[in-house]
PDB file of N, CA and C in Angstrom:
ATOM      1  N   UNK A   1      -8.578   1.322  -5.570  1.00  0.00           N
ATOM      2  CA  UNK A   1      -9.106   2.387  -4.754  1.00  0.00           C
ATOM      3  C   UNK A   1      -9.234   3.607  -5.622  1.00  0.00           C
ATOM      4  N   UNK A   2     -10.400   4.038  -5.851  1.00  0.00           N
ATOM      5  CA  UNK A   2     -10.625   5.206  -6.671  1.00  0.00           C
ATOM      6  C   UNK A   2      -9.993   6.416  -6.017  1.00  0.00           C
ATOM      7  N   UNK A   3      -9.096   7.068  -6.742  1.00  0.00           N
ATOM      8  CA  UNK A   3      -8.490   8.260  -6.210  1.00  0.00           C
ATOM      9  C   UNK A   3      -7.327   8.015  -5.274  1.00  0.00           C
ATOM     10  N   UNK A   4      -6.537   6.985  -5.517  1.00  0.00           N
ATOM     11  CA  UNK A   4      -5.335   6.768  -4.716  1.00  0.00           C
ATOM     12  C   UNK A   4      -4.169   6.521  -5.647  1.00  0.00           C
ATOM     13  N   UNK A   5      -2.964   6.687  -5.103  1.00  0.00           N
ATOM     14  CA  UNK A   5      -1.796   6.443  -5.924  1.00  0.00           C
ATOM     15  C   UNK A   5      -0.612   6.054  -5.062  1.00  0.00           C
ATOM     16  N   UNK A   6       0.283   5.325  -5.671  1.00  0.00           N
ATOM     17  CA  UNK A   6       1.583   5.058  -5.085  1.00  0.00           C
ATOM     18  C   UNK A   6       2.524   6.020  -5.786  1.00  0.00           C
ATOM     19  N   UNK A   7       3.222   6.849  -5.032  1.00  0.00           N
ATOM     20  CA  UNK A   7       3.969   7.956  -5.622  1.00  0.00           C
ATOM     21  C   UNK A   7       5.194   7.533  -6.417  1.00  0.00           C
ATOM     22  N   UNK A   8       5.876   6.484  -6.003  1.00  0.00           N
ATOM     23  CA  UNK A   8       7.133   6.115  -6.643  1.00  0.00           C
ATOM     24  C   UNK A   8       7.160   4.620  -6.939  1.00  0.00           C
ATOM     25  N   UNK A   9       7.713   4.283  -8.062  1.00  0.00           N
ATOM     26  CA  UNK A   9       7.918   2.895  -8.394  1.00  0.00           C
ATOM     27  C   UNK A   9       9.048   2.857  -9.422  1.00  0.00           C
ATOM     28  N   UNK A  10      10.225   2.336  -9.170  1.00  0.00           N
ATOM     29  CA  UNK A  10      10.556   1.468  -8.048  1.00  0.00           C
ATOM     30  C   UNK A  10      10.685   2.239  -6.725  1.00  0.00           C
ATOM     31  N   UNK A  11      10.567   1.493  -5.645  1.00  0.00           N
ATOM     32  CA  UNK A  11      10.558   2.043  -4.296  1.00  0.00           C
ATOM     33  C   UNK A  11      11.913   1.797  -3.644  1.00  0.00           C
ATOM     34  N   UNK A  12      12.388   2.794  -2.915  1.00  0.00           N
ATOM     35  CA  UNK A  12      13.613   2.660  -2.128  1.00  0.00           C
ATOM     36  C   UNK A  12      13.283   3.080  -0.697  1.00  0.00           C
ATOM     37  N   UNK A  13      13.270   2.148   0.234  1.00  0.00           N
ATOM     38  CA  UNK A  13      13.093   2.477   1.650  1.00  0.00           C
ATOM     39  C   UNK A  13      11.678   2.515   2.161  1.00  0.00           C
ATOM     40  N   UNK A  14      10.790   3.263   1.495  1.00  0.00           N
ATOM     41  CA  UNK A  14       9.410   3.394   1.954  1.00  0.00           C
ATOM     42  C   UNK A  14       8.449   3.433   0.776  1.00  0.00           C
ATOM     43  N   UNK A  15       7.284   2.846   1.004  1.00  0.00           N
ATOM     44  CA  UNK A  15       6.181   2.960   0.052  1.00  0.00           C
ATOM     45  C   UNK A  15       5.287   4.084   0.556  1.00  0.00           C
ATOM     46  N   UNK A  16       4.996   5.049  -0.306  1.00  0.00           N
ATOM     47  CA  UNK A  16       4.135   6.172   0.054  1.00  0.00           C
ATOM     48  C   UNK A  16       2.828   6.068  -0.724  1.00  0.00           C
ATOM     49  N   UNK A  17       1.713   6.073   0.004  1.00  0.00           N
ATOM     50  CA  UNK A  17       0.393   6.054  -0.623  1.00  0.00           C
ATOM     51  C   UNK A  17      -0.343   7.329  -0.273  1.00  0.00           C
ATOM     52  N   UNK A  18      -1.112   7.827  -1.224  1.00  0.00           N
ATOM     53  CA  UNK A  18      -1.883   9.048  -1.005  1.00  0.00           C
ATOM     54  C   UNK A  18      -3.317   8.802  -1.464  1.00  0.00           C
ATOM     55  N   UNK A  19      -4.285   9.011  -0.556  1.00  0.00           N
ATOM     56  CA  UNK A  19      -5.701   8.948  -0.920  1.00  0.00           C
ATOM     57  C   UNK A  19      -6.101  10.342  -1.392  1.00  0.00           C
ATOM     58  N   UNK A  20      -6.702  10.443  -2.550  1.00  0.00           N
ATOM     59  CA  UNK A  20      -7.074  11.732  -3.109  1.00  0.00           C
ATOM     60  C   UNK A  20      -8.438  12.212  -2.630  1.00  0.00           C
ATOM     61  N   UNK A  21      -9.032  11.439  -1.756  1.00  0.00           N
ATOM     62  CA  UNK A  21     -10.322  11.820  -1.179  1.00  0.00           C
ATOM     63  C   UNK A  21     -10.404  11.255   0.222  1.00  0.00           C
ATOM     64  N   UNK A  22     -11.181  11.897   1.077  1.00  0.00           N
ATOM     65  CA  UNK A  22     -11.372  11.380   2.434  1.00  0.00           C
ATOM     66  C   UNK A  22     -12.393  10.257   2.389  1.00  0.00           C
ATOM     67  N   UNK A  23     -12.083   9.182   3.086  1.00  0.00           N
ATOM     68  CA  UNK A  23     -12.937   8.004   3.132  1.00  0.00           C
ATOM     69  C   UNK A  23     -13.234   7.737   4.595  1.00  0.00           C
ATOM     70  N   UNK A  24     -14.476   7.422   4.915  1.00  0.00           N
ATOM     71  CA  UNK A  24     -14.876   7.311   6.316  1.00  0.00           C
ATOM     72  C   UNK A  24     -14.734   5.902   6.895  1.00  0.00           C
ATOM     73  N   UNK A  25     -14.176   4.974   6.162  1.00  0.00           N
ATOM     74  CA  UNK A  25     -13.989   3.622   6.696  1.00  0.00           C
ATOM     75  C   UNK A  25     -12.528   3.199   6.550  1.00  0.00           C
ATOM     76  N   UNK A  26     -12.143   2.217   7.332  1.00  0.00           N
ATOM     77  CA  UNK A  26     -10.770   1.734   7.311  1.00  0.00           C
ATOM     78  C   UNK A  26     -10.448   1.050   5.991  1.00  0.00           C
ATOM     79  N   UNK A  27      -9.209   1.181   5.593  1.00  0.00           N
ATOM     80  CA  UNK A  27      -8.693   0.474   4.424  1.00  0.00           C
ATOM     81  C   UNK A  27      -7.597  -0.462   4.916  1.00  0.00           C
ATOM     82  N   UNK A  28      -7.740  -1.727   4.611  1.00  0.00           N
ATOM     83  CA  UNK A  28      -6.731  -2.723   4.972  1.00  0.00           C
ATOM     84  C   UNK A  28      -5.694  -2.782   3.854  1.00  0.00           C
ATOM     85  N   UNK A  29      -4.437  -2.902   4.241  1.00  0.00           N
ATOM     86  CA  UNK A  29      -3.379  -3.083   3.250  1.00  0.00           C
ATOM     87  C   UNK A  29      -2.627  -4.371   3.545  1.00  0.00           C
ATOM     88  N   UNK A  30      -2.116  -4.940   2.475  1.00  0.00           N
ATOM     89  CA  UNK A  30      -1.356  -6.179   2.579  1.00  0.00           C
ATOM     90  C   UNK A  30      -0.281  -6.136   1.505  1.00  0.00           C
ATOM     91  N   UNK A  31       0.965  -6.321   1.887  1.00  0.00           N
ATOM     92  CA  UNK A  31       2.070  -6.398   0.948  1.00  0.00           C
ATOM     93  C   UNK A  31       2.484  -7.857   0.850  1.00  0.00           C
ATOM     94  N   UNK A  32       2.434  -8.390  -0.373  1.00  0.00           N
ATOM     95  CA  UNK A  32       2.646  -9.822  -0.613  1.00  0.00           C
ATOM     96  C   UNK A  32       3.822  -9.990  -1.566  1.00  0.00           C
ATOM     97  N   UNK A  33       4.704 -10.952  -1.275  1.00  0.00           N
ATOM     98  CA  UNK A  33       5.825 -11.212  -2.183  1.00  0.00           C
ATOM     99  C   UNK A  33       5.372 -12.093  -3.346  1.00  0.00           C
ATOM    100  N   UNK A  34       6.282 -12.381  -4.249  1.00  0.00           N
ATOM    101  CA  UNK A  34       5.916 -13.146  -5.450  1.00  0.00           C
ATOM    102  C   UNK A  34       5.600 -14.604  -5.153  1.00  0.00           C
ATOM    103  N   UNK A  35       5.930 -15.063  -3.939  1.00  0.00           N
ATOM    104  CA  UNK A  35       5.598 -16.421  -3.529  1.00  0.00           C
ATOM    105  C   UNK A  35       4.235 -16.491  -2.855  1.00  0.00           C
ATOM    106  N   UNK A  36       3.575 -15.333  -2.696  1.00  0.00           N
ATOM    107  CA  UNK A  36       2.260 -15.299  -2.064  1.00  0.00           C
ATOM    108  C   UNK A  36       2.303 -15.111  -0.555  1.00  0.00           C
ATOM    109  N   UNK A  37       3.482 -14.868   0.004  1.00  0.00           N
ATOM    110  CA  UNK A  37       3.639 -14.682   1.444  1.00  0.00           C
ATOM    111  C   UNK A  37       3.384 -13.221   1.815  1.00  0.00           C
ATOM    112  N   UNK A  38       2.542 -13.003   2.823  1.00  0.00           N
ATOM    113  CA  UNK A  38       2.286 -11.654   3.316  1.00  0.00           C
ATOM    114  C   UNK A  38       3.481 -11.203   4.146  1.00  0.00           C
ATOM    115  N   UNK A  39       4.083 -10.065   3.750  1.00  0.00           N
ATOM    116  CA  UNK A  39       5.258  -9.566   4.458  1.00  0.00           C
ATOM    117  C   UNK A  39       4.944  -8.335   5.309  1.00  0.00           C
ATOM    118  N   UNK A  40       3.870  -7.624   5.020  1.00  0.00           N
ATOM    119  CA  UNK A  40       3.384  -6.495   5.815  1.00  0.00           C
ATOM    120  C   UNK A  40       1.870  -6.452   5.700  1.00  0.00           C
ATOM    121  N   UNK A  41       1.204  -6.058   6.787  1.00  0.00           N
ATOM    122  CA  UNK A  41      -0.239  -5.837   6.699  1.00  0.00           C
ATOM    123  C   UNK A  41      -0.683  -4.901   7.815  1.00  0.00           C
ATOM    124  N   UNK A  42      -1.844  -4.337   7.658  1.00  0.00           N
ATOM    125  CA  UNK A  42      -2.395  -3.416   8.641  1.00  0.00           C
ATOM    126  C   UNK A  42      -3.572  -2.675   8.042  1.00  0.00           C
ATOM    127  N   UNK A  43      -3.960  -1.562   8.674  1.00  0.00           N
ATOM    128  CA  UNK A  43      -5.020  -0.751   8.111  1.00  0.00           C
ATOM    129  C   UNK A  43      -4.811   0.716   8.483  1.00  0.00           C
ATOM    130  N   UNK A  44      -5.491   1.594   7.739  1.00  0.00           N
ATOM    131  CA  UNK A  44      -5.460   3.009   8.052  1.00  0.00           C
ATOM    132  C   UNK A  44      -6.799   3.628   7.698  1.00  0.00           C
ATOM    133  N   UNK A  45      -7.065   4.791   8.270  1.00  0.00           N
ATOM    134  CA  UNK A  45      -8.335   5.490   8.088  1.00  0.00           C
ATOM    135  C   UNK A  45      -8.065   6.802   7.361  1.00  0.00           C
ATOM    136  N   UNK A  46      -8.337   6.856   6.039  1.00  0.00           N
ATOM    137  CA  UNK A  46      -8.025   8.056   5.261  1.00  0.00           C
ATOM    138  C   UNK A  46      -8.748   9.330   5.711  1.00  0.00           C
ATOM    139  N   UNK A  47      -9.859   9.220   6.453  1.00  0.00           N
ATOM    140  CA  UNK A  47     -10.537  10.440   6.886  1.00  0.00           C
ATOM    141  C   UNK A  47      -9.707  11.192   7.926  1.00  0.00           C
ATOM    142  N   UNK A  48      -8.847  10.475   8.660  1.00  0.00           N
ATOM    143  CA  UNK A  48      -8.004  11.145   9.642  1.00  0.00           C
ATOM    144  C   UNK A  48      -6.587  11.367   9.116  1.00  0.00           C
ATOM    145  N   UNK A  49      -6.179  10.592   8.129  1.00  0.00           N
ATOM    146  CA  UNK A  49      -4.843  10.719   7.559  1.00  0.00           C
ATOM    147  C   UNK A  49      -4.916  10.225   6.121  1.00  0.00           C
ATOM    148  N   UNK A  50      -4.769  11.125   5.164  1.00  0.00           N
ATOM    149  CA  UNK A  50      -4.949  10.743   3.762  1.00  0.00           C
ATOM    150  C   UNK A  50      -3.702  10.128   3.139  1.00  0.00           C
ATOM    151  N   UNK A  51      -2.632   9.983   3.930  1.00  0.00           N
ATOM    152  CA  UNK A  51      -1.434   9.354   3.381  1.00  0.00           C
ATOM    153  C   UNK A  51      -0.950   8.238   4.308  1.00  0.00           C
ATOM    154  N   UNK A  52      -0.209   7.341   3.726  1.00  0.00           N
ATOM    155  CA  UNK A  52       0.339   6.197   4.450  1.00  0.00           C
ATOM    156  C   UNK A  52       1.738   5.935   3.929  1.00  0.00           C
ATOM    157  N   UNK A  53       2.673   5.732   4.836  1.00  0.00           N
ATOM    158  CA  UNK A  53       4.037   5.344   4.472  1.00  0.00           C
ATOM    159  C   UNK A  53       4.344   4.001   5.112  1.00  0.00           C
ATOM    160  N   UNK A  54       4.840   3.079   4.315  1.00  0.00           N
ATOM    161  CA  UNK A  54       5.216   1.749   4.794  1.00  0.00           C
ATOM    162  C   UNK A  54       6.725   1.610   4.709  1.00  0.00           C
ATOM    163  N   UNK A  55       7.359   1.284   5.818  1.00  0.00           N
ATOM    164  CA  UNK A  55       8.798   1.094   5.856  1.00  0.00           C
ATOM    165  C   UNK A  55       9.126  -0.292   5.312  1.00  0.00           C
ATOM    166  N   UNK A  56       9.837  -0.329   4.191  1.00  0.00           N
ATOM    167  CA  UNK A  56      10.184  -1.610   3.551  1.00  0.00           C
ATOM    168  C   UNK A  56      11.697  -1.785   3.437  1.00  0.00           C
ATOM    169  N   UNK A  57      12.454  -1.042   4.253  1.00  0.00           N
ATOM    170  CA  UNK A  57      13.915  -1.092   4.187  1.00  0.00           C
ATOM    171  C   UNK A  57      14.483  -2.470   4.482  1.00  0.00           C
ATOM    172  N   UNK A  58      13.792  -3.250   5.312  1.00  0.00           N
ATOM    173  CA  UNK A  58      14.321  -4.560   5.704  1.00  0.00           C
ATOM    174  C   UNK A  58      13.941  -5.678   4.735  1.00  0.00           C
ATOM    175  N   UNK A  59      13.102  -5.369   3.748  1.00  0.00           N
ATOM    176  CA  UNK A  59      12.673  -6.405   2.802  1.00  0.00           C
ATOM    177  C   UNK A  59      13.685  -6.560   1.674  1.00  0.00           C
ATOM    178  N   UNK A  60      13.848  -7.774   1.177  1.00  0.00           N
ATOM    179  CA  UNK A  60      14.753  -7.993   0.043  1.00  0.00           C
ATOM    180  C   UNK A  60      14.242  -7.286  -1.213  1.00  0.00           C
ATOM    181  N   UNK A  61      15.164  -6.885  -2.068  1.00  0.00           N
ATOM    182  CA  UNK A  61      14.784  -6.299  -3.354  1.00  0.00           C
ATOM    183  C   UNK A  61      13.972  -7.301  -4.155  1.00  0.00           C
ATOM    184  N   UNK A  62      13.078  -6.785  -4.980  1.00  0.00           N
ATOM    185  CA  UNK A  62      12.268  -7.644  -5.831  1.00  0.00           C
ATOM    186  C   UNK A  62      10.894  -7.056  -6.033  1.00  0.00           C
ATOM    187  N   UNK A  63       9.998  -7.860  -6.565  1.00  0.00           N
ATOM    188  CA  UNK A  63       8.635  -7.425  -6.841  1.00  0.00           C
ATOM    189  C   UNK A  63       7.690  -7.877  -5.737  1.00  0.00           C
ATOM    190  N   UNK A  64       6.736  -7.007  -5.434  1.00  0.00           N
ATOM    191  CA  UNK A  64       5.725  -7.261  -4.412  1.00  0.00           C
ATOM    192  C   UNK A  64       4.394  -6.749  -4.943  1.00  0.00           C
ATOM    193  N   UNK A  65       3.330  -7.206  -4.331  1.00  0.00           N
ATOM    194  CA  UNK A  65       1.987  -6.748  -4.680  1.00  0.00           C
ATOM    195  C   UNK A  65       1.365  -6.110  -3.447  1.00  0.00           C
ATOM    196  N   UNK A  66       0.957  -4.852  -3.592  1.00  0.00           N
ATOM    197  CA  UNK A  66       0.296  -4.139  -2.512  1.00  0.00           C
ATOM    198  C   UNK A  66      -1.196  -4.190  -2.784  1.00  0.00           C
ATOM    199  N   UNK A  67      -1.926  -4.772  -1.856  1.00  0.00           N
ATOM    200  CA  UNK A  67      -3.372  -4.921  -1.995  1.00  0.00           C
ATOM    201  C   UNK A  67      -4.057  -4.007  -0.990  1.00  0.00           C
ATOM    202  N   UNK A  68      -4.988  -3.186  -1.478  1.00  0.00           N
ATOM    203  CA  UNK A  68      -5.784  -2.308  -0.627  1.00  0.00           C
ATOM    204  C   UNK A  68      -7.224  -2.759  -0.706  1.00  0.00           C
ATOM    205  N   UNK A  69      -7.880  -2.856   0.438  1.00  0.00           N
ATOM    206  CA  UNK A  69      -9.267  -3.314   0.443  1.00  0.00           C
ATOM    207  C   UNK A  69     -10.030  -2.597   1.545  1.00  0.00           C
ATOM    208  N   UNK A  70     -11.218  -2.123   1.180  1.00  0.00           N
ATOM    209  CA  UNK A  70     -12.091  -1.443   2.127  1.00  0.00           C
ATOM    210  C   UNK A  70     -13.537  -1.725   1.796  1.00  0.00           C
ATOM    211  N   UNK A  71     -14.423  -0.983   2.432  1.00  0.00           N
ATOM    212  CA  UNK A  71     -15.864  -1.189   2.277  1.00  0.00           C
ATOM    213  C   UNK A  71     -16.302  -1.159   0.811  1.00  0.00           C
ATOM    214  N   UNK A  72     -15.821  -0.187   0.056  1.00  0.00           N
ATOM    215  CA  UNK A  72     -16.186  -0.088  -1.359  1.00  0.00           C
ATOM    216  C   UNK A  72     -14.945   0.053  -2.236  1.00  0.00           C
ATOM    217  N   UNK A  73     -13.817  -0.415  -1.716  1.00  0.00           N
ATOM    218  CA  UNK A  73     -12.537  -0.192  -2.381  1.00  0.00           C
ATOM    219  C   UNK A  73     -11.765  -1.500  -2.490  1.00  0.00           C
ATOM    220  N   UNK A  74     -11.228  -1.727  -3.665  1.00  0.00           N
ATOM    221  CA  UNK A  74     -10.296  -2.831  -3.849  1.00  0.00           C
ATOM    222  C   UNK A  74      -9.344  -2.424  -4.953  1.00  0.00           C
ATOM    223  N   UNK A  75      -8.050  -2.367  -4.627  1.00  0.00           N
ATOM    224  CA  UNK A  75      -7.063  -1.955  -5.616  1.00  0.00           C
ATOM    225  C   UNK A  75      -5.755  -2.673  -5.350  1.00  0.00           C
ATOM    226  N   UNK A  76      -5.040  -2.978  -6.421  1.00  0.00           N
ATOM    227  CA  UNK A  76      -3.759  -3.668  -6.330  1.00  0.00           C
ATOM    228  C   UNK A  76      -2.703  -2.875  -7.072  1.00  0.00           C
ATOM    229  N   UNK A  77      -1.489  -2.853  -6.506  1.00  0.00           N
ATOM    230  CA  UNK A  77      -0.355  -2.213  -7.134  1.00  0.00           C
ATOM    231  C   UNK A  77       0.790  -3.224  -7.214  1.00  0.00           C
ATOM    232  N   UNK A  78       1.505  -3.226  -8.309  1.00  0.00           N
ATOM    233  CA  UNK A  78       2.724  -4.012  -8.396  1.00  0.00           C
ATOM    234  C   UNK A  78       3.863  -3.068  -8.022  1.00  0.00           C
ATOM    235  N   UNK A  79       4.659  -3.467  -7.031  1.00  0.00           N
ATOM    236  CA  UNK A  79       5.711  -2.613  -6.493  1.00  0.00           C
ATOM    237  C   UNK A  79       7.064  -3.270  -6.710  1.00  0.00           C
ATOM    238  N   UNK A  80       8.017  -2.503  -7.192  1.00  0.00           N
ATOM    239  CA  UNK A  80       9.402  -2.983  -7.319  1.00  0.00           C
ATOM    240  C   UNK A  80      10.223  -2.333  -6.208  1.00  0.00           C
ATOM    241  N   UNK A  81      10.862  -3.140  -5.378  1.00  0.00           N
ATOM    242  CA  UNK A  81      11.740  -2.624  -4.330  1.00  0.00           C
ATOM    243  C   UNK A  81      13.170  -2.691  -4.795  1.00  0.00           C
ATOM    244  N   UNK A  82      13.874  -1.580  -4.638  1.00  0.00           N
ATOM    245  CA  UNK A  82      15.313  -1.513  -4.972  1.00  0.00           C
ATOM    246  C   UNK A  82      16.105  -1.215  -3.731  1.00  0.00           C
TER     247      UNK A  82
END
């Protein structure tokens, strides 16, 4: 996603994402563990809210992949949960 970032890595408790520009279409997110299992998913609309926080307190520590996908956006982040 052009102009987005995950603020902290490793993550403790919550994943915080910030879109650096307003986008007029929904962005789907998917958090996947190293086994390929989707553990969180949903979508948000950056034109109404340029940030997103995902509560990951109940997930086991380890590595995950956060996938963002939208009309003209596709971006992946490797996330370490502590």
